[in-house]
Each structure stands twice: as structure tokens, then as C-alpha cells.
C-alpha atoms as a PDB file:
ATOM      1  CA  MET A   1      98.605  61.856  97.538  1.00  0.00           C
ATOM      2  CA  VAL A   2      97.370  63.658  94.423  1.00  0.00           C
ATOM      3  CA  LEU A   3      94.199  61.541  94.358  1.00  0.00           C
ATOM      4  CA  GLU A   4      93.572  62.163  98.051  1.00  0.00           C
ATOM      5  CA  THR A   5      93.998  65.890  97.496  1.00  0.00           C
ATOM      6  CA  LEU A   6      91.573  65.897  94.567  1.00  0.00           C
ATOM      7  CA  ILE A   7      88.928  64.010  96.551  1.00  0.00           C
ATOM      8  CA  ALA A   8      89.407  66.300  99.557  1.00  0.00           C
ATOM      9  CA  VAL A   9      89.077  69.429  97.394  1.00  0.00           C
ATOM     10  CA  ILE A  10      85.843  68.133  95.830  1.00  0.00           C
ATOM     11  CA  ILE A  11      84.389  67.328  99.255  1.00  0.00           C
ATOM     12  CA  ALA A  12      85.348  70.793 100.526  1.00  0.00           C
ATOM     13  CA  TYR A  13      83.647  72.392  97.519  1.00  0.00           C
ATOM     14  CA  LEU A  14      80.461  70.388  98.120  1.00  0.00           C
ATOM     15  CA  PHE A  15      80.436  71.486 101.765  1.00  0.00           C
ATOM     16  CA  GLY A  16      81.008  75.081 100.740  1.00  0.00           C
ATOM     17  CA  ALA A  17      78.160  74.909  98.238  1.00  0.00           C
ATOM     18  CA  VAL A  18      75.596  74.498 101.035  1.00  0.00           C
ATOM     19  CA  ASN A  19      74.117  78.008 101.234  1.00  0.00           C
ATOM     20  CA  PHE A  20      72.717  78.563 104.711  1.00  0.00           C
ATOM     21  CA  ALA A  21      71.382  82.028 103.845  1.00  0.00           C
ATOM     22  CA  ILE A  22      69.031  80.506 101.282  1.00  0.00           C
ATOM     23  CA  ILE A  23      68.093  77.525 103.458  1.00  0.00           C
ATOM     24  CA  LEU A  24      67.448  79.413 106.712  1.00  0.00           C
ATOM     25  CA  THR A  25      65.575  82.275 105.069  1.00  0.00           C
ATOM     26  CA  LYS A  26      63.288  79.776 103.356  1.00  0.00           C
ATOM     27  CA  LEU A  27      62.665  77.945 106.635  1.00  0.00           C
ATOM     28  CA  VAL A  28      62.062  81.116 108.661  1.00  0.00           C
ATOM     29  CA  THR A  29      60.131  83.318 106.217  1.00  0.00           C
ATOM     30  CA  GLY A  30      59.189  81.062 103.330  1.00  0.00           C
ATOM     31  CA  GLU A  31      60.905  83.531 101.000  1.00  0.00           C
ATOM     32  CA  ASP A  32      63.967  83.335  98.798  1.00  0.00           C
ATOM     33  CA  ILE A  33      66.762  85.611 100.078  1.00  0.00           C
ATOM     34  CA  ARG A  34      67.841  86.003  96.458  1.00  0.00           C
ATOM     35  CA  THR A  35      64.691  88.089  95.885  1.00  0.00           C
ATOM     36  CA  ILE A  36      65.061  90.228  99.031  1.00  0.00           C
ATOM     37  CA  GLY A  37      67.130  93.362  99.624  1.00  0.00           C
ATOM     38  CA  ASN A  38      70.216  93.355  97.437  1.00  0.00           C
ATOM     39  CA  LYS A  39      69.442  89.748  96.408  1.00  0.00           C
ATOM     40  CA  ASN A  40      72.778  88.556  97.790  1.00  0.00           C
ATOM     41  CA  PRO A  41      72.432  85.190  99.607  1.00  0.00           C
ATOM     42  CA  GLY A  42      74.827  86.073 102.401  1.00  0.00           C
ATOM     43  CA  ALA A  43      74.909  86.845 106.117  1.00  0.00           C
ATOM     44  CA  SER A  44      74.661  90.640 105.742  1.00  0.00           C
ATOM     45  CA  ASN A  45      71.511  90.522 103.642  1.00  0.00           C
ATOM     46  CA  VAL A  46      69.932  87.984 105.995  1.00  0.00           C
ATOM     47  CA  ALA A  47      70.755  90.171 109.014  1.00  0.00           C
ATOM     48  CA  ARG A  48      69.172  93.228 107.421  1.00  0.00           C
ATOM     49  CA  TYR A  49      65.974  91.665 106.103  1.00  0.00           C
ATOM     50  CA  VAL A  50      65.358  88.488 108.136  1.00  0.00           C
ATOM     51  CA  GLY A  51      66.883  89.345 111.502  1.00  0.00           C
ATOM     52  CA  LYS A  52      70.219  89.877 113.206  1.00  0.00           C
ATOM     53  CA  PHE A  53      70.055  86.520 114.981  1.00  0.00           C
ATOM     54  CA  TRP A  54      69.585  84.682 111.690  1.00  0.00           C
ATOM     55  CA  GLY A  55      72.299  86.744 110.053  1.00  0.00           C
ATOM     56  CA  ALA A  56      74.711  85.834 112.855  1.00  0.00           C
ATOM     57  CA  LEU A  57      73.737  82.170 112.558  1.00  0.00           C
ATOM     58  CA  VAL A  58      74.400  82.241 108.809  1.00  0.00           C
ATOM     59  CA  LEU A  59      77.783  83.850 109.476  1.00  0.00           C
ATOM     60  CA  ILE A  60      78.728  81.091 111.923  1.00  0.00           C
ATOM     61  CA  LEU A  61      77.512  78.264 109.692  1.00  0.00           C
ATOM     62  CA  ASP A  62      79.193  79.728 106.610  1.00  0.00           C
ATOM     63  CA  SER A  63      82.423  79.904 108.584  1.00  0.00           C
ATOM     64  CA  LEU A  64      82.146  76.348 109.909  1.00  0.00           C
ATOM     65  CA  LYS A  65      81.479  74.840 106.495  1.00  0.00           C
ATOM     66  CA  GLY A  66      84.865  76.138 105.398  1.00  0.00           C
ATOM     67  CA  VAL A  67      86.937  74.798 108.296  1.00  0.00           C
ATOM     68  CA  VAL A  68      85.153  71.565 109.286  1.00  0.00           C
ATOM     69  CA  PRO A  69      86.349  69.669 106.169  1.00  0.00           C
ATOM     70  CA  ILE A  70      89.854  71.063 106.751  1.00  0.00           C
ATOM     71  CA  LEU A  71      89.791  69.916 110.389  1.00  0.00           C
ATOM     72  CA  VAL A  72      88.728  66.396 109.423  1.00  0.00           C
ATOM     73  CA  ALA A  73      91.344  66.192 106.666  1.00  0.00           C
ATOM     74  CA  ARG A  74      94.008  67.574 109.012  1.00  0.00           C
ATOM     75  CA  LEU A  75      93.279  64.843 111.558  1.00  0.00           C
ATOM     76  CA  TRP A  76      92.896  61.885 109.218  1.00  0.00           C
ATOM     77  CA  VAL A  77      94.602  62.578 105.879  1.00  0.00           C
ATOM     78  CA  PHE A  78      97.007  65.522 105.757  1.00  0.00           C
ATOM     79  CA  TYR A  79      98.409  65.222 109.262  1.00  0.00           C
ATOM     80  CA  GLY A  80     102.127  65.319 108.447  1.00  0.00           C
ATOM     81  CA  GLY A  81     102.561  69.078 108.524  1.00  0.00           C
ATOM     82  CA  GLU A  82     104.714  68.973 105.389  1.00  0.00           C
ATOM     83  CA  PRO A  83     104.362  71.739 102.757  1.00  0.00           C
ATOM     84  CA  TRP A  84     102.271  69.423 100.547  1.00  0.00           C
ATOM     85  CA  ASP A  85      99.907  68.644 103.431  1.00  0.00           C
ATOM     86  CA  VAL A  86      99.461  72.310 104.279  1.00  0.00           C
ATOM     87  CA  GLY A  87      99.040  73.238 100.622  1.00  0.00           C
ATOM     88  CA  ALA A  88      96.378  70.552 100.169  1.00  0.00           C
ATOM     89  CA  LEU A  89      94.472  71.898 103.171  1.00  0.00           C
ATOM     90  CA  TYR A  90      94.628  75.423 101.768  1.00  0.00           C
ATOM     91  CA  LEU A  91      93.314  74.171  98.425  1.00  0.00           C
ATOM     92  CA  MET A  92      90.389  72.741 100.359  1.00  0.00           C
ATOM     93  CA  GLY A  93      89.761  76.155 101.896  1.00  0.00           C
ATOM     94  CA  ILE A  94      89.805  77.849  98.511  1.00  0.00           C
ATOM     95  CA  ALA A  95      87.446  75.173  97.154  1.00  0.00           C
ATOM     96  CA  ALA A  96      85.011  75.812 100.030  1.00  0.00           C
ATOM     97  CA  VAL A  97      84.955  79.531  99.224  1.00  0.00           C
ATOM     98  CA  LEU A  98      84.357  78.773  95.536  1.00  0.00           C
ATOM     99  CA  GLY A  99      81.550  76.448  96.594  1.00  0.00           C
ATOM    100  CA  HIS A 100      79.890  79.294  98.460  1.00  0.00           C
ATOM    101  CA  ILE A 101      80.209  81.660  95.510  1.00  0.00           C
ATOM    102  CA  PHE A 102      79.312  79.105  92.825  1.00  0.00           C
ATOM    103  CA  PRO A 103      77.122  76.500  94.593  1.00  0.00           C
ATOM    104  CA  LEU A 104      76.299  73.377  92.623  1.00  0.00           C
ATOM    105  CA  TYR A 105      72.983  73.030  94.477  1.00  0.00           C
ATOM    106  CA  PHE A 106      71.738  76.535  93.590  1.00  0.00           C
ATOM    107  CA  LYS A 107      72.551  76.857  89.888  1.00  0.00           C
ATOM    108  CA  PHE A 108      76.044  78.192  90.679  1.00  0.00           C
ATOM    109  CA  LYS A 109      74.630  81.475  92.019  1.00  0.00           C
ATOM    110  CA  GLY A 110      75.751  82.051  95.600  1.00  0.00           C
ATOM    111  CA  GLY A 111      76.995  84.718  97.989  1.00  0.00           C
ATOM    112  CA  GLY A 112      80.167  86.772  98.107  1.00  0.00           C
ATOM    113  CA  GLY A 113      82.142  84.210 100.109  1.00  0.00           C
ATOM    114  CA  VAL A 114      83.518  86.589 102.740  1.00  0.00           C
ATOM    115  CA  SER A 115      82.290  84.628 105.783  1.00  0.00           C
ATOM    116  CA  THR A 116      83.878  81.411 104.557  1.00  0.00           C
ATOM    117  CA  MET A 117      87.038  83.209 103.464  1.00  0.00           C
ATOM    118  CA  MET A 118      87.434  84.798 106.895  1.00  0.00           C
ATOM    119  CA  ALA A 119      87.311  81.356 108.505  1.00  0.00           C
ATOM    120  CA  ILE A 120      90.036  80.117 106.150  1.00  0.00           C
ATOM    121  CA  PHE A 121      92.271  83.086 106.978  1.00  0.00           C
ATOM    122  CA  LEU A 122      91.637  82.505 110.691  1.00  0.00           C
ATOM    123  CA  TRP A 123      92.683  78.882 110.323  1.00  0.00           C
ATOM    124  CA  PHE A 124      95.944  79.488 108.474  1.00  0.00           C
ATOM    125  CA  VAL A 125      97.081  83.031 109.392  1.00  0.00           C
ATOM    126  CA  PRO A 126      94.959  83.987 112.430  1.00  0.00           C
ATOM    127  CA  LEU A 127      97.133  86.733 113.901  1.00  0.00           C
ATOM    128  CA  GLU A 128      97.870  88.352 110.557  1.00  0.00           C
ATOM    129  CA  PHE A 129      94.195  88.243 109.635  1.00  0.00           C
ATOM    130  CA  LEU A 130      93.009  89.700 112.950  1.00  0.00           C
ATOM    131  CA  PHE A 131      95.437  92.599 112.581  1.00  0.00           C
ATOM    132  CA  SER A 132      94.318  93.141 108.973  1.00  0.00           C
ATOM    133  CA  PHE A 133      90.678  92.946 110.032  1.00  0.00           C
ATOM    134  CA  LEU A 134      91.081  95.601 112.733  1.00  0.00           C
ATOM    135  CA  PHE A 135      93.355  97.834 110.675  1.00  0.00           C
ATOM    136  CA  GLY A 136      91.109  97.450 107.633  1.00  0.00           C
ATOM    137  CA  ALA A 137      88.048  98.406 109.672  1.00  0.00           C
ATOM    138  CA  LEU A 138      89.901 101.456 110.990  1.00  0.00           C
ATOM    139  CA  LEU A 139      90.876 102.545 107.481  1.00  0.00           C
ATOM    140  CA  ALA A 140      87.327 102.010 106.238  1.00  0.00           C
ATOM    141  CA  ARG A 141      85.969 104.054 109.149  1.00  0.00           C
ATOM    142  CA  LEU A 142      88.436 106.888 108.581  1.00  0.00           C
ATOM    143  CA  PHE A 143      88.037 107.194 104.826  1.00  0.00           C
ATOM    144  CA  PHE A 144      84.530 105.862 104.118  1.00  0.00           C
ATOM    145  CA  GLY A 145      82.747 106.173 107.459  1.00  0.00           C
ATOM    146  CA  LYS A 146      80.172 108.596 106.084  1.00  0.00           C
ATOM    147  CA  ARG A 147      79.022 106.111 103.476  1.00  0.00           C
ATOM    148  CA  GLU A 148      76.165 103.722 104.132  1.00  0.00           C
ATOM    149  CA  LEU A 149      77.188 100.189 105.160  1.00  0.00           C
ATOM    150  CA  TRP A 150      80.875 101.097 105.204  1.00  0.00           C
ATOM    151  CA  LEU A 151      81.621  98.255 107.621  1.00  0.00           C
ATOM    152  CA  THR A 152      80.173  95.455 105.480  1.00  0.00           C
ATOM    153  CA  GLN A 153      81.335  96.874 102.150  1.00  0.00           C
ATOM    154  CA  TRP A 154      84.603  98.765 102.463  1.00  0.00           C
ATOM    155  CA  SER A 155      86.074  96.913 105.433  1.00  0.00           C
ATOM    156  CA  PRO A 156      86.130  93.523 103.640  1.00  0.00           C
ATOM    157  CA  ILE A 157      87.886  95.064 100.646  1.00  0.00           C
ATOM    158  CA  MET A 158      90.530  96.409 103.023  1.00  0.00           C
ATOM    159  CA  PHE A 159      91.267  93.236 104.962  1.00  0.00           C
ATOM    160  CA  ILE A 160      91.091  90.990 101.898  1.00  0.00           C
ATOM    161  CA  THR A 161      93.838  93.148 100.392  1.00  0.00           C
ATOM    162  CA  LEU A 162      95.902  93.578 103.558  1.00  0.00           C
ATOM    163  CA  THR A 163      95.984  90.003 104.885  1.00  0.00           C
ATOM    164  CA  PRO A 164      98.389  88.443 102.332  1.00  0.00           C
ATOM    165  CA  ILE A 165     100.642  91.509 102.322  1.00  0.00           C
ATOM    166  CA  ILE A 166     100.998  91.554 106.104  1.00  0.00           C
ATOM    167  CA  ALA A 167     101.444  87.772 106.184  1.00  0.00           C
ATOM    168  CA  LEU A 168     104.276  88.011 103.639  1.00  0.00           C
ATOM    169  CA  ILE A 169     106.026  90.908 105.399  1.00  0.00           C
ATOM    170  CA  LEU A 170     105.926  89.138 108.749  1.00  0.00           C
ATOM    171  CA  ASN A 171     107.043  85.840 107.221  1.00  0.00           C
ATOM    172  CA  LEU A 172     110.104  87.541 105.779  1.00  0.00           C
ATOM    173  CA  ASN A 173     111.096  89.100 109.095  1.00  0.00           C
ATOM    174  CA  VAL A 174     109.891  87.091 112.094  1.00  0.00           C
ATOM    175  CA  ALA A 175     108.964  83.581 113.202  1.00  0.00           C
ATOM    176  CA  ILE A 176     107.502  83.833 116.692  1.00  0.00           C
ATOM    177  CA  PRO A 177     105.586  80.762 117.938  1.00  0.00           C
ATOM    178  CA  ILE A 178     102.572  81.661 120.062  1.00  0.00           C
ATOM    179  CA  TRP A 179     100.628  78.487 120.829  1.00  0.00           C
ATOM    180  CA  LYS A 180     100.697  75.089 119.091  1.00  0.00           C
ATOM    181  CA  ASN A 181     100.374  75.837 115.357  1.00  0.00           C
ATOM    182  CA  ILE A 182      99.669  79.546 115.872  1.00  0.00           C
ATOM    183  CA  SER A 183     102.609  81.820 115.164  1.00  0.00           C
ATOM    184  CA  LEU A 184     103.462  85.338 114.105  1.00  0.00           C
ATOM    185  CA  GLY A 185     105.257  84.752 110.830  1.00  0.00           C
ATOM    186  CA  GLY A 186     107.129  81.516 110.350  1.00  0.00           C
ATOM    187  CA  HIS A 187     104.411  79.973 108.178  1.00  0.00           C
ATOM    188  CA  PRO A 188     105.134  77.420 105.444  1.00  0.00           C
ATOM    189  CA  TRP A 189     105.401  79.156 102.102  1.00  0.00           C
ATOM    190  CA  THR A 190     102.431  77.139 100.871  1.00  0.00           C
ATOM    191  CA  VAL A 191     100.369  79.116 103.406  1.00  0.00           C
ATOM    192  CA  ILE A 192     101.637  82.439 102.070  1.00  0.00           C
ATOM    193  CA  ALA A 193     100.969  81.323  98.491  1.00  0.00           C
ATOM    194  CA  GLY A 194      97.493  80.116  99.450  1.00  0.00           C
ATOM    195  CA  THR A 195      96.708  83.373 101.235  1.00  0.00           C
ATOM    196  CA  PHE A 196      97.682  85.416  98.175  1.00  0.00           C
ATOM    197  CA  ALA A 197      95.737  83.070  95.889  1.00  0.00           C
ATOM    198  CA  LEU A 198      92.573  83.317  98.007  1.00  0.00           C
ATOM    199  CA  SER A 199      92.847  87.085  98.349  1.00  0.00           C
ATOM    200  CA  LEU A 200      93.427  87.673  94.627  1.00  0.00           C
ATOM    201  CA  MET A 201      90.615  85.274  93.772  1.00  0.00           C
ATOM    202  CA  MET A 202      88.189  87.155  96.017  1.00  0.00           C
ATOM    203  CA  LEU A 203      89.193  90.547  94.646  1.00  0.00           C
ATOM    204  CA  GLY A 204      89.028  89.254  91.091  1.00  0.00           C
ATOM    205  CA  LEU A 205      85.582  87.727  91.510  1.00  0.00           C
ATOM    206  CA  ASN A 206      84.300  90.947  93.085  1.00  0.00           C
ATOM    207  CA  ILE A 207      86.184  93.372  90.841  1.00  0.00           C
ATOM    208  CA  ARG A 208      82.942  95.013  89.723  1.00  0.00           C
ATOM    209  CA  LEU A 209      82.151  95.863  93.332  1.00  0.00           C
ATOM    210  CA  VAL A 210      85.605  97.384  93.851  1.00  0.00           C
ATOM    211  CA  VAL A 211      85.340  99.447  90.646  1.00  0.00           C
ATOM    212  CA  ALA A 212      81.794 100.500  91.510  1.00  0.00           C
ATOM    213  CA  LYS A 213      82.867 101.696  94.946  1.00  0.00           C
ATOM    214  CA  MET A 214      85.855 103.555  93.572  1.00  0.00           C
ATOM    215  CA  THR A 215      83.723 105.337  90.962  1.00  0.00           C
ATOM    216  CA  ASP A 216      80.599 105.742  93.115  1.00  0.00           C
ATOM    217  CA  LYS A 217      78.551 103.665  90.688  1.00  0.00           C
ATOM    218  CA  LYS A 218      75.737 101.377  91.813  1.00  0.00           C
ATOM    219  CA  TRP A 219      75.938  97.628  91.334  1.00  0.00           C
ATOM    220  CA  GLU A 220      72.968  96.145  93.224  1.00  0.00           C
ATOM    221  CA  LYS A 221      74.035  92.541  92.685  1.00  0.00           C
ATOM    222  CA  TYR A 222      77.447  93.207  94.216  1.00  0.00           C
ATOM    223  CA  GLU A 223      76.369  95.468  97.078  1.00  0.00           C
ATOM    224  CA  ASP A 224      78.153  93.185  99.538  1.00  0.00           C
ATOM    225  CA  VAL A 225      81.458  91.426  98.930  1.00  0.00           C
END
């Protein structure tokens, strides 16, 4: 099982390393998105400088590349539902996010990873993430609504931080099944551990953005999470 997990994690990373912002921008405009706007090869930058349709398409594709390998592995390899199976799937999700941020195909210089991370949270803790997403957006609007791009900058910081905390609190207090594998609380502890690991990884990799926002300093490279 260890070998299968290692192979699955590598495959998930390679899928995650496909940067659709770079590919689609090159096909549509002939330009490199890494030289446009804030130079971040992600959905937000594509939406602002290439077009909203293309930005939305990048968002969808970046999300799918995180969950498609997990879906395949869930059906054919890690189908038992045991803690090890779930943990292996979450490792695949984390690997896909790392692939987006450090893509092998693009000299390990990628985007912020938020689109892919959101898909992973939706797969494993959908209800907790949706609540964190909405509550985080509300907090960002209340406290940072007057700042430019508050939705794409401050809101991600909020829900990345809130998702594991809310997931843990609910897991300690409730276990309400909703539909099939979707539940409010009641998750395997490998899911809670994976959610904290992914959240802390994202905050750690983007710590300069968080510090810059807190101190009102400008970090062009990290304008978007």
C-alpha cells in the first residue's frame, strides 16, 4: 500500500503541475501570463487581463486537475474507506496543490494554488468549506471591503484559515450524515489532519502575502494567494 500511495501522489503532483493559466493565455493571446499584470499564473490574473471567460475556465480546469486523480484513485485503488485510504487520497490532493505552485513543467514557478486547494476542500470537507468560504467573504467584506481586490486577496486568507478550525470543532461535537459520503462533522481524523496540513502549507507558502497585507506593504509577486 505504501508503494501505491507513493505512485498515486506522484501522479497527482504531475497532474497538478499542468498550469492552464499559462497554456490558455499562450493559446489565446500568444503572451506569457507570467509577464502580464501581477505576473501570477492563476485564474484571477487571467480574468483581469485576458478575459473573464478564460479566467473562469482556468478556475474550473485548475479545480478539476486536483480532484480527477483523487476520483480515479478512489474508484480503483483506495476504495476501502479506511483511514489509510482516506489519508492517501488527501496526500494526493496536497500533492496536486504543490504541483500547481511548483510545476515541474514550468521551472517550478506556478500560481498560488487556491483554485486547486478549494477543490480539495470541497471533496473532503464540503460543508465546512462552504461555510468558511461564505463567512470568510463576509469578514473580508466587513473589514477590508474598501481595499482593492478584497475578494480575491483577503477572502482566501480568511477561508484558508477558517476551514480546518471549523472542521475540527464540528468533528468534536457532531456527526450528521447528509448524503452518501457528505456529512457535517463525523470525518475520519485523517481528513482533519489533512485539512490542517493543507491550510498551514498554503499559509506558510504565502506568508509574505499575509505579512504584506497586514502591514500594507506591496508584494507584486504575491498579489494573489
